[in-house]
Amino acid sequence: MAVPSFVRLDPAIERWNHMREDAYKHFRFTRRTSLIAFTGCVLIPSVIYYVASKTQYKFRWTGKRKGDSLVQS
């Protein structure tokens, strides 16, 4: 026996939910999505690694007091 539902379903919201749930089925690599994937997976980590490796031993924070230089000589 079915229980009566007092909630009215909006067809537009149902279509939008269905589209969201099945987005992986319709995904294709285009020029735009490839550029976004390259930027997020390769370019940004490479830039972070480069900056971190160039400044790794440049500053020395241990034992410094107010007015002392942080640049390692």
PDB file of N, CA and C in Angstrom:
ATOM      1  N   MET A   1       0.842  -1.163   0.000  1.00  0.00           N
ATOM      2  CA  MET A   1       0.000   0.000   0.000  1.00  0.00           C
ATOM      3  C   MET A   1       0.903   1.246   0.000  1.00  0.00           C
ATOM      4  N   ALA A   2       0.621   2.152  -0.909  1.00  0.00           N
ATOM      5  CA  ALA A   2       1.419   3.362  -1.044  1.00  0.00           C
ATOM      6  C   ALA A   2       0.945   4.439  -0.083  1.00  0.00           C
ATOM      7  N   VAL A   3       1.895   5.171   0.431  1.00  0.00           N
ATOM      8  CA  VAL A   3       1.581   6.277   1.325  1.00  0.00           C
ATOM      9  C   VAL A   3       1.444   7.528   0.474  1.00  0.00           C
ATOM     10  N   PRO A   4       0.389   8.307   0.650  1.00  0.00           N
ATOM     11  CA  PRO A   4       0.233   9.518  -0.171  1.00  0.00           C
ATOM     12  C   PRO A   4       1.316  10.538   0.167  1.00  0.00           C
ATOM     13  N   SER A   5       1.830  11.196  -0.872  1.00  0.00           N
ATOM     14  CA  SER A   5       2.889  12.190  -0.699  1.00  0.00           C
ATOM     15  C   SER A   5       2.279  13.582  -0.803  1.00  0.00           C
ATOM     16  N   PHE A   6       2.640  14.439   0.113  1.00  0.00           N
ATOM     17  CA  PHE A   6       2.129  15.801   0.110  1.00  0.00           C
ATOM     18  C   PHE A   6       3.120  16.769  -0.531  1.00  0.00           C
ATOM     19  N   VAL A   7       4.252  16.247  -1.009  1.00  0.00           N
ATOM     20  CA  VAL A   7       5.269  17.078  -1.632  1.00  0.00           C
ATOM     21  C   VAL A   7       5.030  17.076  -3.137  1.00  0.00           C
ATOM     22  N   ARG A   8       4.962  18.264  -3.720  1.00  0.00           N
ATOM     23  CA  ARG A   8       4.809  18.366  -5.167  1.00  0.00           C
ATOM     24  C   ARG A   8       6.198  18.471  -5.781  1.00  0.00           C
ATOM     25  N   LEU A   9       6.472  17.642  -6.751  1.00  0.00           N
ATOM     26  CA  LEU A   9       7.772  17.635  -7.401  1.00  0.00           C
ATOM     27  C   LEU A   9       7.798  18.653  -8.534  1.00  0.00           C
ATOM     28  N   ASP A  10       8.859  19.426  -8.568  1.00  0.00           N
ATOM     29  CA  ASP A  10       9.044  20.410  -9.633  1.00  0.00           C
ATOM     30  C   ASP A  10       9.817  19.739 -10.761  1.00  0.00           C
ATOM     31  N   PRO A  11       9.283  19.698 -11.975  1.00  0.00           N
ATOM     32  CA  PRO A  11       9.972  19.014 -13.069  1.00  0.00           C
ATOM     33  C   PRO A  11      11.324  19.634 -13.414  1.00  0.00           C
ATOM     34  N   ALA A  12      11.452  20.938 -13.268  1.00  0.00           N
ATOM     35  CA  ALA A  12      12.724  21.597 -13.579  1.00  0.00           C
ATOM     36  C   ALA A  12      13.806  21.168 -12.587  1.00  0.00           C
ATOM     37  N   ILE A  13      13.450  21.081 -11.329  1.00  0.00           N
ATOM     38  CA  ILE A  13      14.420  20.650 -10.311  1.00  0.00           C
ATOM     39  C   ILE A  13      14.779  19.190 -10.512  1.00  0.00           C
ATOM     40  N   GLU A  14      13.811  18.375 -10.878  1.00  0.00           N
ATOM     41  CA  GLU A  14      14.090  16.960 -11.142  1.00  0.00           C
ATOM     42  C   GLU A  14      15.026  16.789 -12.335  1.00  0.00           C
ATOM     43  N   ARG A  15      14.829  17.561 -13.400  1.00  0.00           N
ATOM     44  CA  ARG A  15      15.733  17.502 -14.563  1.00  0.00           C
ATOM     45  C   ARG A  15      17.141  17.943 -14.179  1.00  0.00           C
ATOM     46  N   TRP A  16      17.236  19.003 -13.377  1.00  0.00           N
ATOM     47  CA  TRP A  16      18.548  19.509 -12.968  1.00  0.00           C
ATOM     48  C   TRP A  16      19.268  18.481 -12.101  1.00  0.00           C
ATOM     49  N   ASN A  17      18.554  17.843 -11.180  1.00  0.00           N
ATOM     50  CA  ASN A  17      19.166  16.810 -10.338  1.00  0.00           C
ATOM     51  C   ASN A  17      19.623  15.624 -11.181  1.00  0.00           C
ATOM     52  N   HIS A  18      18.810  15.241 -12.138  1.00  0.00           N
ATOM     53  CA  HIS A  18      19.188  14.125 -13.008  1.00  0.00           C
ATOM     54  C   HIS A  18      20.448  14.478 -13.814  1.00  0.00           C
ATOM     55  N   MET A  19      20.528  15.708 -14.303  1.00  0.00           N
ATOM     56  CA  MET A  19      21.708  16.148 -15.048  1.00  0.00           C
ATOM     57  C   MET A  19      22.956  16.124 -14.150  1.00  0.00           C
ATOM     58  N   ARG A  20      22.818  16.578 -12.913  1.00  0.00           N
ATOM     59  CA  ARG A  20      23.951  16.579 -11.987  1.00  0.00           C
ATOM     60  C   ARG A  20      24.425  15.178 -11.657  1.00  0.00           C
ATOM     61  N   GLU A  21      23.491  14.266 -11.465  1.00  0.00           N
ATOM     62  CA  GLU A  21      23.852  12.900 -11.094  1.00  0.00           C
ATOM     63  C   GLU A  21      24.513  12.146 -12.239  1.00  0.00           C
ATOM     64  N   ASP A  22      24.214  12.507 -13.470  1.00  0.00           N
ATOM     65  CA  ASP A  22      24.748  11.800 -14.634  1.00  0.00           C
ATOM     66  C   ASP A  22      25.794  12.606 -15.402  1.00  0.00           C
ATOM     67  N   ALA A  23      26.399  13.594 -14.762  1.00  0.00           N
ATOM     68  CA  ALA A  23      27.354  14.446 -15.468  1.00  0.00           C
ATOM     69  C   ALA A  23      28.574  13.658 -15.931  1.00  0.00           C
ATOM     70  N   TYR A  24      29.020  12.681 -15.163  1.00  0.00           N
ATOM     71  CA  TYR A  24      30.206  11.912 -15.547  1.00  0.00           C
ATOM     72  C   TYR A  24      29.953  11.072 -16.797  1.00  0.00           C
ATOM     73  N   LYS A  25      28.714  10.745 -17.081  1.00  0.00           N
ATOM     74  CA  LYS A  25      28.405   9.951 -18.266  1.00  0.00           C
ATOM     75  C   LYS A  25      28.535  10.754 -19.552  1.00  0.00           C
ATOM     76  N   HIS A  26      28.365  12.058 -19.465  1.00  0.00           N
ATOM     77  CA  HIS A  26      28.361  12.910 -20.647  1.00  0.00           C
ATOM     78  C   HIS A  26      29.611  13.777 -20.760  1.00  0.00           C
ATOM     79  N   PHE A  27      30.614  13.554 -19.894  1.00  0.00           N
ATOM     80  CA  PHE A  27      31.819  14.390 -19.918  1.00  0.00           C
ATOM     81  C   PHE A  27      32.697  14.037 -21.109  1.00  0.00           C
ATOM     82  N   ARG A  28      33.223  15.071 -21.755  1.00  0.00           N
ATOM     83  CA  ARG A  28      34.185  14.892 -22.834  1.00  0.00           C
ATOM     84  C   ARG A  28      35.296  15.917 -22.669  1.00  0.00           C
ATOM     85  N   PHE A  29      36.506  15.503 -23.051  1.00  0.00           N
ATOM     86  CA  PHE A  29      37.610  16.441 -23.027  1.00  0.00           C
ATOM     87  C   PHE A  29      37.513  17.352 -24.235  1.00  0.00           C
ATOM     88  N   THR A  30      37.315  18.610 -23.981  1.00  0.00           N
ATOM     89  CA  THR A  30      37.332  19.627 -25.021  1.00  0.00           C
ATOM     90  C   THR A  30      38.560  20.490 -24.788  1.00  0.00           C
ATOM     91  N   ARG A  31      38.732  21.481 -25.607  1.00  0.00           N
ATOM     92  CA  ARG A  31      39.879  22.369 -25.426  1.00  0.00           C
ATOM     93  C   ARG A  31      39.821  23.059 -24.062  1.00  0.00           C
ATOM     94  N   ARG A  32      38.632  23.490 -23.673  1.00  0.00           N
ATOM     95  CA  ARG A  32      38.475  24.193 -22.400  1.00  0.00           C
ATOM     96  C   ARG A  32      38.718  23.271 -21.210  1.00  0.00           C
ATOM     97  N   THR A  33      38.120  22.081 -21.210  1.00  0.00           N
ATOM     98  CA  THR A  33      38.302  21.179 -20.073  1.00  0.00           C
ATOM     99  C   THR A  33      39.729  20.653 -20.005  1.00  0.00           C
ATOM    100  N   SER A  34      40.371  20.484 -21.156  1.00  0.00           N
ATOM    101  CA  SER A  34      41.771  20.061 -21.152  1.00  0.00           C
ATOM    102  C   SER A  34      42.665  21.139 -20.555  1.00  0.00           C
ATOM    103  N   LEU A  35      42.392  22.394 -20.894  1.00  0.00           N
ATOM    104  CA  LEU A  35      43.176  23.500 -20.344  1.00  0.00           C
ATOM    105  C   LEU A  35      42.981  23.612 -18.833  1.00  0.00           C
ATOM    106  N   ILE A  36      41.752  23.441 -18.371  1.00  0.00           N
ATOM    107  CA  ILE A  36      41.484  23.499 -16.933  1.00  0.00           C
ATOM    108  C   ILE A  36      42.185  22.345 -16.213  1.00  0.00           C
ATOM    109  N   ALA A  37      42.134  21.147 -16.792  1.00  0.00           N
ATOM    110  CA  ALA A  37      42.788  19.991 -16.175  1.00  0.00           C
ATOM    111  C   ALA A  37      44.303  20.176 -16.151  1.00  0.00           C
ATOM    112  N   PHE A  38      44.886  20.669 -17.229  1.00  0.00           N
ATOM    113  CA  PHE A  38      46.331  20.905 -17.282  1.00  0.00           C
ATOM    114  C   PHE A  38      46.741  21.954 -16.251  1.00  0.00           C
ATOM    115  N   THR A  39      45.966  23.028 -16.168  1.00  0.00           N
ATOM    116  CA  THR A  39      46.291  24.090 -15.215  1.00  0.00           C
ATOM    117  C   THR A  39      46.234  23.580 -13.784  1.00  0.00           C
ATOM    118  N   GLY A  40      45.196  22.840 -13.445  1.00  0.00           N
ATOM    119  CA  GLY A  40      45.025  22.384 -12.066  1.00  0.00           C
ATOM    120  C   GLY A  40      45.934  21.246 -11.669  1.00  0.00           C
ATOM    121  N   CYS A  41      46.291  20.387 -12.632  1.00  0.00           N
ATOM    122  CA  CYS A  41      47.061  19.184 -12.291  1.00  0.00           C
ATOM    123  C   CYS A  41      48.552  19.302 -12.572  1.00  0.00           C
ATOM    124  N   VAL A  42      48.955  20.205 -13.456  1.00  0.00           N
ATOM    125  CA  VAL A  42      50.364  20.304 -13.831  1.00  0.00           C
ATOM    126  C   VAL A  42      50.937  21.688 -13.557  1.00  0.00           C
ATOM    127  N   LEU A  43      50.298  22.726 -14.060  1.00  0.00           N
ATOM    128  CA  LEU A  43      50.874  24.071 -14.006  1.00  0.00           C
ATOM    129  C   LEU A  43      50.965  24.621 -12.583  1.00  0.00           C
ATOM    130  N   ILE A  44      49.882  24.581 -11.833  1.00  0.00           N
ATOM    131  CA  ILE A  44      49.885  25.144 -10.476  1.00  0.00           C
ATOM    132  C   ILE A  44      50.831  24.381  -9.547  1.00  0.00           C
ATOM    133  N   PRO A  45      50.809  23.030  -9.519  1.00  0.00           N
ATOM    134  CA  PRO A  45      51.789  22.338  -8.671  1.00  0.00           C
ATOM    135  C   PRO A  45      53.237  22.596  -9.096  1.00  0.00           C
ATOM    136  N   SER A  46      53.485  22.750 -10.391  1.00  0.00           N
ATOM    137  CA  SER A  46      54.844  23.040 -10.858  1.00  0.00           C
ATOM    138  C   SER A  46      55.312  24.397 -10.371  1.00  0.00           C
ATOM    139  N   VAL A  47      54.445  25.385 -10.434  1.00  0.00           N
ATOM    140  CA  VAL A  47      54.806  26.729  -9.966  1.00  0.00           C
ATOM    141  C   VAL A  47      55.054  26.715  -8.462  1.00  0.00           C
ATOM    142  N   ILE A  48      54.216  26.032  -7.712  1.00  0.00           N
ATOM    143  CA  ILE A  48      54.402  25.946  -6.258  1.00  0.00           C
ATOM    144  C   ILE A  48      55.718  25.245  -5.924  1.00  0.00           C
ATOM    145  N   TYR A  49      56.026  24.156  -6.624  1.00  0.00           N
ATOM    146  CA  TYR A  49      57.283  23.444  -6.395  1.00  0.00           C
ATOM    147  C   TYR A  49      58.484  24.325  -6.736  1.00  0.00           C
ATOM    148  N   TYR A  50      58.412  25.061  -7.842  1.00  0.00           N
ATOM    149  CA  TYR A  50      59.521  25.922  -8.250  1.00  0.00           C
ATOM    150  C   TYR A  50      59.776  27.016  -7.209  1.00  0.00           C
ATOM    151  N   VAL A  51      58.706  27.672  -6.765  1.00  0.00           N
ATOM    152  CA  VAL A  51      58.862  28.742  -5.768  1.00  0.00           C
ATOM    153  C   VAL A  51      59.383  28.175  -4.454  1.00  0.00           C
ATOM    154  N   ALA A  52      58.872  27.020  -4.048  1.00  0.00           N
ATOM    155  CA  ALA A  52      59.320  26.417  -2.785  1.00  0.00           C
ATOM    156  C   ALA A  52      60.781  25.992  -2.866  1.00  0.00           C
ATOM    157  N   SER A  53      61.207  25.444  -3.999  1.00  0.00           N
ATOM    158  CA  SER A  53      62.593  24.994  -4.105  1.00  0.00           C
ATOM    159  C   SER A  53      63.566  26.161  -4.204  1.00  0.00           C
ATOM    160  N   LYS A  54      63.132  27.282  -4.780  1.00  0.00           N
ATOM    161  CA  LYS A  54      64.020  28.443  -4.888  1.00  0.00           C
ATOM    162  C   LYS A  54      64.172  29.188  -3.569  1.00  0.00           C
ATOM    163  N   THR A  55      63.170  29.113  -2.700  1.00  0.00           N
ATOM    164  CA  THR A  55      63.239  29.855  -1.438  1.00  0.00           C
ATOM    165  C   THR A  55      63.435  28.946  -0.238  1.00  0.00           C
ATOM    166  N   GLN A  56      63.775  27.690  -0.462  1.00  0.00           N
ATOM    167  CA  GLN A  56      63.853  26.735   0.645  1.00  0.00           C
ATOM    168  C   GLN A  56      64.922  27.123   1.675  1.00  0.00           C
ATOM    169  N   TYR A  57      66.097  27.439   1.243  1.00  0.00           N
ATOM    170  CA  TYR A  57      67.190  27.755   2.174  1.00  0.00           C
ATOM    171  C   TYR A  57      67.544  29.237   2.167  1.00  0.00           C
ATOM    172  N   LYS A  58      66.652  30.082   1.672  1.00  0.00           N
ATOM    173  CA  LYS A  58      66.945  31.505   1.583  1.00  0.00           C
ATOM    174  C   LYS A  58      66.765  32.202   2.933  1.00  0.00           C
ATOM    175  N   PHE A  59      65.762  31.781   3.702  1.00  0.00           N
ATOM    176  CA  PHE A  59      65.475  32.423   4.979  1.00  0.00           C
ATOM    177  C   PHE A  59      65.738  31.460   6.120  1.00  0.00           C
ATOM    178  N   ARG A  60      66.211  32.027   7.236  1.00  0.00           N
ATOM    179  CA  ARG A  60      66.465  31.215   8.423  1.00  0.00           C
ATOM    180  C   ARG A  60      65.741  31.876   9.590  1.00  0.00           C
ATOM    181  N   TRP A  61      64.705  31.206  10.101  1.00  0.00           N
ATOM    182  CA  TRP A  61      63.840  31.772  11.117  1.00  0.00           C
ATOM    183  C   TRP A  61      64.277  31.424  12.535  1.00  0.00           C
ATOM    184  N   THR A  62      65.108  30.425  12.730  1.00  0.00           N
ATOM    185  CA  THR A  62      65.434  29.974  14.082  1.00  0.00           C
ATOM    186  C   THR A  62      66.397  30.945  14.762  1.00  0.00           C
ATOM    187  N   GLY A  63      66.101  31.282  15.989  1.00  0.00           N
ATOM    188  CA  GLY A  63      66.973  32.105  16.800  1.00  0.00           C
ATOM    189  C   GLY A  63      67.053  33.563  16.392  1.00  0.00           C
ATOM    190  N   LYS A  64      66.095  34.058  15.667  1.00  0.00           N
ATOM    191  CA  LYS A  64      66.135  35.461  15.244  1.00  0.00           C
ATOM    192  C   LYS A  64      65.398  36.324  16.250  1.00  0.00           C
ATOM    193  N   ARG A  65      65.916  37.527  16.425  1.00  0.00           N
ATOM    194  CA  ARG A  65      65.279  38.488  17.311  1.00  0.00           C
ATOM    195  C   ARG A  65      64.780  39.664  16.493  1.00  0.00           C
ATOM    196  N   LYS A  66      64.054  40.524  17.150  1.00  0.00           N
ATOM    197  CA  LYS A  66      63.513  41.697  16.457  1.00  0.00           C
ATOM    198  C   LYS A  66      64.662  42.534  15.905  1.00  0.00           C
ATOM    199  N   GLY A  67      64.585  42.837  14.623  1.00  0.00           N
ATOM    200  CA  GLY A  67      65.605  43.664  13.978  1.00  0.00           C
ATOM    201  C   GLY A  67      66.675  42.845  13.270  1.00  0.00           C
ATOM    202  N   ASP A  68      66.819  41.555  13.553  1.00  0.00           N
ATOM    203  CA  ASP A  68      67.792  40.721  12.876  1.00  0.00           C
ATOM    204  C   ASP A  68      67.301  40.388  11.455  1.00  0.00           C
ATOM    205  N   SER A  69      68.228  40.215  10.553  1.00  0.00           N
ATOM    206  CA  SER A  69      67.880  39.895   9.183  1.00  0.00           C
ATOM    207  C   SER A  69      67.532  38.423   9.063  1.00  0.00           C
ATOM    208  N   LEU A  70      66.516  38.107   8.262  1.00  0.00           N
ATOM    209  CA  LEU A  70      66.111  36.719   8.048  1.00  0.00           C
ATOM    210  C   LEU A  70      66.881  36.069   6.921  1.00  0.00           C
ATOM    211  N   VAL A  71      67.526  36.885   6.071  1.00  0.00           N
ATOM    212  CA  VAL A  71      68.239  36.333   4.910  1.00  0.00           C
ATOM    213  C   VAL A  71      69.486  35.626   5.388  1.00  0.00           C
ATOM    214  N   GLN A  72      69.640  34.395   4.951  1.00  0.00           N
ATOM    215  CA  GLN A  72      70.791  33.593   5.340  1.00  0.00           C
ATOM    216  C   GLN A  72      72.010  34.044   4.548  1.00  0.00           C
ATOM    217  N   SER A  73      73.114  34.238   5.225  1.00  0.00           N
ATOM    218  CA  SER A  73      74.317  34.696   4.523  1.00  0.00           C
ATOM    219  C   SER A  73      75.264  33.568   4.229  1.00  0.00           C
TER     220      SER A  73
END
